[in-house]
PDB file of all heavy atoms in Angstrom:
ATOM      1  N   ALA A   1      64.121  21.017  62.695  1.00  0.00           N
ATOM      2  CA  ALA A   1      64.488  21.947  63.741  1.00  0.00           C
ATOM      3  C   ALA A   1      65.178  21.174  64.842  1.00  0.00           C
ATOM      4  O   ALA A   1      66.241  21.628  65.445  1.00  0.00           O
ATOM      5  CB  ALA A   1      63.262  22.693  64.288  1.00  0.00           C
ATOM      6  N   LEU A   2      64.697  19.926  65.221  1.00  0.00           N
ATOM      7  CA  LEU A   2      65.324  19.129  66.285  1.00  0.00           C
ATOM      8  C   LEU A   2      66.697  18.697  65.819  1.00  0.00           C
ATOM      9  O   LEU A   2      67.658  18.676  66.646  1.00  0.00           O
ATOM     10  CB  LEU A   2      64.450  17.891  66.568  1.00  0.00           C
ATOM     11  CG  LEU A   2      64.897  16.927  67.618  1.00  0.00           C
ATOM     12  CD1 LEU A   2      65.013  17.657  68.979  1.00  0.00           C
ATOM     13  CD2 LEU A   2      63.920  15.754  67.708  1.00  0.00           C
ATOM     14  N   ASP A   3      66.844  18.349  64.540  1.00  0.00           N
ATOM     15  CA  ASP A   3      68.131  17.944  64.016  1.00  0.00           C
ATOM     16  C   ASP A   3      69.144  19.123  64.085  1.00  0.00           C
ATOM     17  O   ASP A   3      70.290  18.892  64.506  1.00  0.00           O
ATOM     18  CB  ASP A   3      68.071  17.468  62.600  1.00  0.00           C
ATOM     19  CG  ASP A   3      67.344  16.122  62.453  1.00  0.00           C
ATOM     20  OD1 ASP A   3      67.335  15.391  63.499  1.00  0.00           O
ATOM     21  OD2 ASP A   3      66.857  15.765  61.436  1.00  0.00           O
ATOM     22  N   ASP A   4      68.722  20.339  63.842  1.00  0.00           N
ATOM     23  CA  ASP A   4      69.557  21.509  63.926  1.00  0.00           C
ATOM     24  C   ASP A   4      70.008  21.735  65.372  1.00  0.00           C
ATOM     25  O   ASP A   4      71.175  22.032  65.606  1.00  0.00           O
ATOM     26  CB  ASP A   4      68.826  22.755  63.413  1.00  0.00           C
ATOM     27  CG  ASP A   4      68.593  22.739  61.880  1.00  0.00           C
ATOM     28  OD1 ASP A   4      69.345  21.981  61.246  1.00  0.00           O
ATOM     29  OD2 ASP A   4      67.693  23.429  61.388  1.00  0.00           O
ATOM     30  N   LEU A   5      69.075  21.528  66.308  1.00  0.00           N
ATOM     31  CA  LEU A   5      69.437  21.784  67.691  1.00  0.00           C
ATOM     32  C   LEU A   5      70.436  20.672  68.264  1.00  0.00           C
ATOM     33  O   LEU A   5      71.309  20.986  69.008  1.00  0.00           O
ATOM     34  CB  LEU A   5      68.158  21.706  68.603  1.00  0.00           C
ATOM     35  CG  LEU A   5      67.166  22.906  68.397  1.00  0.00           C
ATOM     36  CD1 LEU A   5      65.898  22.631  69.197  1.00  0.00           C
ATOM     37  CD2 LEU A   5      67.829  24.148  68.878  1.00  0.00           C
ATOM     38  N   ARG A   6      70.232  19.511  67.692  1.00  0.00           N
ATOM     39  CA  ARG A   6      71.189  18.409  68.101  1.00  0.00           C
ATOM     40  C   ARG A   6      72.564  18.640  67.564  1.00  0.00           C
ATOM     41  O   ARG A   6      73.576  18.398  68.222  1.00  0.00           O
ATOM     42  CB  ARG A   6      70.655  17.110  67.624  1.00  0.00           C
ATOM     43  CG  ARG A   6      69.483  16.553  68.506  1.00  0.00           C
ATOM     44  CD  ARG A   6      68.883  15.332  67.900  1.00  0.00           C
ATOM     45  NE  ARG A   6      67.845  14.746  68.801  1.00  0.00           N
ATOM     46  CZ  ARG A   6      66.967  13.812  68.482  1.00  0.00           C
ATOM     47  NH1 ARG A   6      66.979  13.292  67.228  1.00  0.00           N
ATOM     48  NH2 ARG A   6      66.109  13.346  69.364  1.00  0.00           N
ATOM     49  N   ILE A   7      72.609  19.195  66.337  1.00  0.00           N
ATOM     50  CA  ILE A   7      73.925  19.533  65.717  1.00  0.00           C
ATOM     51  C   ILE A   7      74.598  20.632  66.585  1.00  0.00           C
ATOM     52  O   ILE A   7      75.800  20.544  66.899  1.00  0.00           O
ATOM     53  CB  ILE A   7      73.743  20.077  64.271  1.00  0.00           C
ATOM     54  CG1 ILE A   7      73.323  18.841  63.425  1.00  0.00           C
ATOM     55  CG2 ILE A   7      75.048  20.675  63.783  1.00  0.00           C
ATOM     56  CD1 ILE A   7      72.888  19.247  61.983  1.00  0.00           C
ATOM     57  N   ARG A   8      73.749  21.588  67.008  1.00  0.00           N
ATOM     58  CA  ARG A   8      74.427  22.682  67.906  1.00  0.00           C
ATOM     59  C   ARG A   8      74.869  22.073  69.223  1.00  0.00           C
ATOM     60  O   ARG A   8      75.925  22.506  69.698  1.00  0.00           O
ATOM     61  CB  ARG A   8      73.334  23.780  68.127  1.00  0.00           C
ATOM     62  CG  ARG A   8      73.026  24.624  66.955  1.00  0.00           C
ATOM     63  CD  ARG A   8      71.841  25.550  67.175  1.00  0.00           C
ATOM     64  NE  ARG A   8      72.086  26.438  68.368  1.00  0.00           N
ATOM     65  CZ  ARG A   8      71.190  27.259  68.900  1.00  0.00           C
ATOM     66  NH1 ARG A   8      69.921  27.187  68.373  1.00  0.00           N
ATOM     67  NH2 ARG A   8      71.460  27.953  69.917  1.00  0.00           N
ATOM     68  N   LEU A   9      74.117  21.144  69.792  1.00  0.00           N
ATOM     69  CA  LEU A   9      74.517  20.448  71.054  1.00  0.00           C
ATOM     70  C   LEU A   9      75.837  19.708  70.835  1.00  0.00           C
ATOM     71  O   LEU A   9      76.754  19.781  71.719  1.00  0.00           O
ATOM     72  CB  LEU A   9      73.426  19.577  71.590  1.00  0.00           C
ATOM     73  CG  LEU A   9      72.221  20.258  72.262  1.00  0.00           C
ATOM     74  CD1 LEU A   9      71.196  19.166  72.559  1.00  0.00           C
ATOM     75  CD2 LEU A   9      72.625  20.943  73.529  1.00  0.00           C
ATOM     76  N   ASP A  10      75.920  19.026  69.719  1.00  0.00           N
ATOM     77  CA  ASP A  10      77.189  18.269  69.450  1.00  0.00           C
ATOM     78  C   ASP A  10      78.372  19.218  69.351  1.00  0.00           C
ATOM     79  O   ASP A  10      79.455  18.883  69.812  1.00  0.00           O
ATOM     80  CB  ASP A  10      77.000  17.485  68.118  1.00  0.00           C
ATOM     81  CG  ASP A  10      76.075  16.318  68.309  1.00  0.00           C
ATOM     82  OD1 ASP A  10      75.798  15.887  69.478  1.00  0.00           O
ATOM     83  OD2 ASP A  10      75.558  15.794  67.237  1.00  0.00           O
ATOM     84  N   GLU A  11      78.139  20.329  68.724  1.00  0.00           N
ATOM     85  CA  GLU A  11      79.236  21.343  68.630  1.00  0.00           C
ATOM     86  C   GLU A  11      79.685  21.873  70.012  1.00  0.00           C
ATOM     87  O   GLU A  11      80.859  21.995  70.298  1.00  0.00           O
ATOM     88  CB  GLU A  11      78.824  22.500  67.726  1.00  0.00           C
ATOM     89  CG  GLU A  11      78.627  22.122  66.262  1.00  0.00           C
ATOM     90  CD  GLU A  11      78.036  23.263  65.434  1.00  0.00           C
ATOM     91  OE1 GLU A  11      77.609  24.257  66.060  1.00  0.00           O
ATOM     92  OE2 GLU A  11      77.994  23.120  64.225  1.00  0.00           O
ATOM     93  N   ILE A  12      78.675  22.130  70.806  1.00  0.00           N
ATOM     94  CA  ILE A  12      78.983  22.592  72.201  1.00  0.00           C
ATOM     95  C   ILE A  12      79.624  21.505  73.001  1.00  0.00           C
ATOM     96  O   ILE A  12      80.647  21.767  73.689  1.00  0.00           O
ATOM     97  CB  ILE A  12      77.645  23.062  72.902  1.00  0.00           C
ATOM     98  CG1 ILE A  12      77.069  24.321  72.189  1.00  0.00           C
ATOM     99  CG2 ILE A  12      77.921  23.377  74.387  1.00  0.00           C
ATOM    100  CD1 ILE A  12      75.708  24.657  72.649  1.00  0.00           C
ATOM    101  N   ASP A  13      79.146  20.277  72.893  1.00  0.00           N
ATOM    102  CA  ASP A  13      79.751  19.143  73.565  1.00  0.00           C
ATOM    103  C   ASP A  13      81.248  18.953  73.213  1.00  0.00           C
ATOM    104  O   ASP A  13      82.095  18.616  73.985  1.00  0.00           O
ATOM    105  CB  ASP A  13      78.967  17.858  73.349  1.00  0.00           C
ATOM    106  CG  ASP A  13      77.630  17.864  74.044  1.00  0.00           C
ATOM    107  OD1 ASP A  13      77.523  18.674  75.030  1.00  0.00           O
ATOM    108  OD2 ASP A  13      76.776  17.076  73.749  1.00  0.00           O
ATOM    109  N   GLY A  14      81.535  19.145  71.909  1.00  0.00           N
ATOM    110  CA  GLY A  14      82.901  19.049  71.455  1.00  0.00           C
ATOM    111  C   GLY A  14      83.793  20.098  72.094  1.00  0.00           C
ATOM    112  O   GLY A  14      84.903  19.801  72.519  1.00  0.00           O
ATOM    113  N   GLN A  15      83.289  21.257  72.340  1.00  0.00           N
ATOM    114  CA  GLN A  15      84.024  22.345  73.009  1.00  0.00           C
ATOM    115  C   GLN A  15      84.204  21.969  74.517  1.00  0.00           C
ATOM    116  O   GLN A  15      85.276  22.156  75.029  1.00  0.00           O
ATOM    117  CB  GLN A  15      83.300  23.665  72.881  1.00  0.00           C
ATOM    118  CG  GLN A  15      83.166  24.213  71.474  1.00  0.00           C
ATOM    119  CD  GLN A  15      82.366  25.472  71.434  1.00  0.00           C
ATOM    120  OE1 GLN A  15      82.629  26.435  72.143  1.00  0.00           O
ATOM    121  NE2 GLN A  15      81.315  25.502  70.543  1.00  0.00           N
ATOM    122  N   ILE A  16      83.127  21.430  75.106  1.00  0.00           N
ATOM    123  CA  ILE A  16      83.267  21.016  76.499  1.00  0.00           C
ATOM    124  C   ILE A  16      84.261  19.928  76.653  1.00  0.00           C
ATOM    125  O   ILE A  16      85.092  20.027  77.697  1.00  0.00           O
ATOM    126  CB  ILE A  16      81.854  20.533  77.024  1.00  0.00           C
ATOM    127  CG1 ILE A  16      80.862  21.778  77.115  1.00  0.00           C
ATOM    128  CG2 ILE A  16      81.984  19.843  78.401  1.00  0.00           C
ATOM    129  CD1 ILE A  16      79.425  21.343  77.466  1.00  0.00           C
ATOM    130  N   VAL A  17      84.264  18.915  75.793  1.00  0.00           N
ATOM    131  CA  VAL A  17      85.268  17.838  75.898  1.00  0.00           C
ATOM    132  C   VAL A  17      86.701  18.416  75.778  1.00  0.00           C
ATOM    133  O   VAL A  17      87.622  18.048  76.545  1.00  0.00           O
ATOM    134  CB  VAL A  17      85.020  16.770  74.835  1.00  0.00           C
ATOM    135  CG1 VAL A  17      86.209  15.754  74.739  1.00  0.00           C
ATOM    136  CG2 VAL A  17      83.751  16.032  75.121  1.00  0.00           C
ATOM    137  N   ARG A  18      86.898  19.311  74.831  1.00  0.00           N
ATOM    138  CA  ARG A  18      88.225  19.909  74.628  1.00  0.00           C
ATOM    139  C   ARG A  18      88.623  20.698  75.896  1.00  0.00           C
ATOM    140  O   ARG A  18      89.770  20.580  76.366  1.00  0.00           O
ATOM    141  CB  ARG A  18      88.209  20.827  73.380  1.00  0.00           C
ATOM    142  CG  ARG A  18      89.534  21.510  73.127  1.00  0.00           C
ATOM    143  CD  ARG A  18      89.462  22.387  71.850  1.00  0.00           C
ATOM    144  NE  ARG A  18      88.453  23.400  72.043  1.00  0.00           N
ATOM    145  CZ  ARG A  18      88.636  24.540  72.695  1.00  0.00           C
ATOM    146  NH1 ARG A  18      89.702  24.770  73.356  1.00  0.00           N
ATOM    147  NH2 ARG A  18      87.604  25.433  72.768  1.00  0.00           N
ATOM    148  N   LEU A  19      87.704  21.467  76.410  1.00  0.00           N
ATOM    149  CA  LEU A  19      88.000  22.314  77.565  1.00  0.00           C
ATOM    150  C   LEU A  19      88.219  21.422  78.781  1.00  0.00           C
ATOM    151  O   LEU A  19      89.053  21.715  79.701  1.00  0.00           O
ATOM    152  CB  LEU A  19      86.906  23.285  77.849  1.00  0.00           C
ATOM    153  CG  LEU A  19      86.836  24.463  76.821  1.00  0.00           C
ATOM    154  CD1 LEU A  19      85.537  25.268  77.036  1.00  0.00           C
ATOM    155  CD2 LEU A  19      88.069  25.330  76.858  1.00  0.00           C
ATOM    156  N   TYR A  20      87.466  20.265  78.882  1.00  0.00           N
ATOM    157  CA  TYR A  20      87.693  19.398  80.005  1.00  0.00           C
ATOM    158  C   TYR A  20      89.109  18.820  80.051  1.00  0.00           C
ATOM    159  O   TYR A  20      89.769  18.789  81.086  1.00  0.00           O
ATOM    160  CB  TYR A  20      86.604  18.237  79.930  1.00  0.00           C
ATOM    161  CG  TYR A  20      86.923  17.149  80.955  1.00  0.00           C
ATOM    162  CD1 TYR A  20      86.609  17.336  82.303  1.00  0.00           C
ATOM    163  CD2 TYR A  20      87.498  15.932  80.593  1.00  0.00           C
ATOM    164  CE1 TYR A  20      86.859  16.307  83.236  1.00  0.00           C
ATOM    165  CE2 TYR A  20      87.764  14.937  81.504  1.00  0.00           C
ATOM    166  CZ  TYR A  20      87.430  15.147  82.811  1.00  0.00           C
ATOM    167  OH  TYR A  20      87.703  14.160  83.729  1.00  0.00           O
ATOM    168  N   GLU A  21      89.546  18.387  78.870  1.00  0.00           N
ATOM    169  CA  GLU A  21      90.890  17.816  78.794  1.00  0.00           C
ATOM    170  C   GLU A  21      91.957  18.893  79.097  1.00  0.00           C
ATOM    171  O   GLU A  21      92.984  18.653  79.714  1.00  0.00           O
ATOM    172  CB  GLU A  21      91.115  17.237  77.414  1.00  0.00           C
ATOM    173  CG  GLU A  21      90.340  15.941  77.158  1.00  0.00           C
ATOM    174  CD  GLU A  21      90.980  14.995  76.206  1.00  0.00           C
ATOM    175  OE1 GLU A  21      91.270  15.500  75.052  1.00  0.00           O
ATOM    176  OE2 GLU A  21      91.232  13.807  76.496  1.00  0.00           O
ATOM    177  N   GLU A  22      91.688  20.071  78.637  1.00  0.00           N
ATOM    178  CA  GLU A  22      92.595  21.207  78.883  1.00  0.00           C
ATOM    179  C   GLU A  22      92.614  21.481  80.378  1.00  0.00           C
ATOM    180  O   GLU A  22      93.666  21.743  80.991  1.00  0.00           O
ATOM    181  CB  GLU A  22      92.128  22.454  78.113  1.00  0.00           C
ATOM    182  CG  GLU A  22      93.074  23.657  78.254  1.00  0.00           C
ATOM    183  CD  GLU A  22      92.639  24.828  77.403  1.00  0.00           C
ATOM    184  OE1 GLU A  22      91.959  24.621  76.335  1.00  0.00           O
ATOM    185  OE2 GLU A  22      92.930  25.977  77.779  1.00  0.00           O
ATOM    186  N   ARG A  23      91.503  21.487  81.034  1.00  0.00           N
ATOM    187  CA  ARG A  23      91.360  21.683  82.514  1.00  0.00           C
ATOM    188  C   ARG A  23      92.097  20.606  83.282  1.00  0.00           C
ATOM    189  O   ARG A  23      92.856  20.901  84.222  1.00  0.00           O
ATOM    190  CB  ARG A  23      89.885  21.744  82.936  1.00  0.00           C
ATOM    191  CG  ARG A  23      89.682  22.236  84.331  1.00  0.00           C
ATOM    192  CD  ARG A  23      88.198  22.194  84.748  1.00  0.00           C
ATOM    193  NE  ARG A  23      87.955  23.001  85.920  1.00  0.00           N
ATOM    194  CZ  ARG A  23      88.169  22.591  87.186  1.00  0.00           C
ATOM    195  NH1 ARG A  23      88.712  21.428  87.410  1.00  0.00           N
ATOM    196  NH2 ARG A  23      87.965  23.439  88.176  1.00  0.00           N
ATOM    197  N   MET A  24      91.922  19.335  82.840  1.00  0.00           N
ATOM    198  CA  MET A  24      92.604  18.223  83.553  1.00  0.00           C
ATOM    199  C   MET A  24      94.116  18.304  83.357  1.00  0.00           C
ATOM    200  O   MET A  24      94.809  17.909  84.288  1.00  0.00           O
ATOM    201  CB  MET A  24      92.069  16.874  83.027  1.00  0.00           C
ATOM    202  CG  MET A  24      90.604  16.624  83.444  1.00  0.00           C
ATOM    203  SD  MET A  24      90.311  16.722  85.237  1.00  0.00           S
ATOM    204  CE  MET A  24      91.123  15.241  85.804  1.00  0.00           C
ATOM    205  N   LYS A  25      94.548  18.831  82.222  1.00  0.00           N
ATOM    206  CA  LYS A  25      96.017  18.980  82.034  1.00  0.00           C
ATOM    207  C   LYS A  25      96.586  19.968  83.038  1.00  0.00           C
ATOM    208  O   LYS A  25      97.634  19.777  83.618  1.00  0.00           O
ATOM    209  CB  LYS A  25      96.274  19.472  80.602  1.00  0.00           C
ATOM    210  CG  LYS A  25      97.753  19.643  80.285  1.00  0.00           C
ATOM    211  CD  LYS A  25      98.536  18.329  80.420  1.00  0.00           C
ATOM    212  CE  LYS A  25      99.965  18.535  80.047  1.00  0.00           C
ATOM    213  NZ  LYS A  25     100.802  17.324  80.330  1.00  0.00           N
ATOM    214  N   VAL A  26      95.836  21.076  83.247  1.00  0.00           N
ATOM    215  CA  VAL A  26      96.284  22.081  84.228  1.00  0.00           C
ATOM    216  C   VAL A  26      96.246  21.484  85.607  1.00  0.00           C
ATOM    217  O   VAL A  26      97.106  21.701  86.492  1.00  0.00           O
ATOM    218  CB  VAL A  26      95.399  23.333  84.161  1.00  0.00           C
ATOM    219  CG1 VAL A  26      95.744  24.276  85.278  1.00  0.00           C
ATOM    220  CG2 VAL A  26      95.529  23.993  82.796  1.00  0.00           C
ATOM    221  N   CYS A  27      95.195  20.678  85.920  1.00  0.00           N
ATOM    222  CA  CYS A  27      95.078  19.988  87.189  1.00  0.00           C
ATOM    223  C   CYS A  27      96.220  19.067  87.435  1.00  0.00           C
ATOM    224  O   CYS A  27      96.745  18.899  88.553  1.00  0.00           O
ATOM    225  CB  CYS A  27      93.771  19.190  87.322  1.00  0.00           C
ATOM    226  SG  CYS A  27      92.326  20.305  87.394  1.00  0.00           S
ATOM    227  N   GLU A  28      96.684  18.413  86.426  1.00  0.00           N
ATOM    228  CA  GLU A  28      97.862  17.501  86.506  1.00  0.00           C
ATOM    229  C   GLU A  28      99.142  18.259  86.890  1.00  0.00           C
ATOM    230  O   GLU A  28      99.891  17.857  87.714  1.00  0.00           O
ATOM    231  CB  GLU A  28      98.053  16.773  85.189  1.00  0.00           C
ATOM    232  CG  GLU A  28      99.176  15.712  85.191  1.00  0.00           C
ATOM    233  CD  GLU A  28      99.263  14.948  83.874  1.00  0.00           C
ATOM    234  OE1 GLU A  28      98.498  15.243  82.932  1.00  0.00           O
ATOM    235  OE2 GLU A  28     100.123  14.075  83.774  1.00  0.00           O
TER     236      GLU A  28
END
């Protein structure tokens, strides 16, 4: 169960990283 939750967190973090770079591009 812990491994499943960590996989879900990794997926969410991937989205956050992508959105962060997208946000910084707009800020630029």
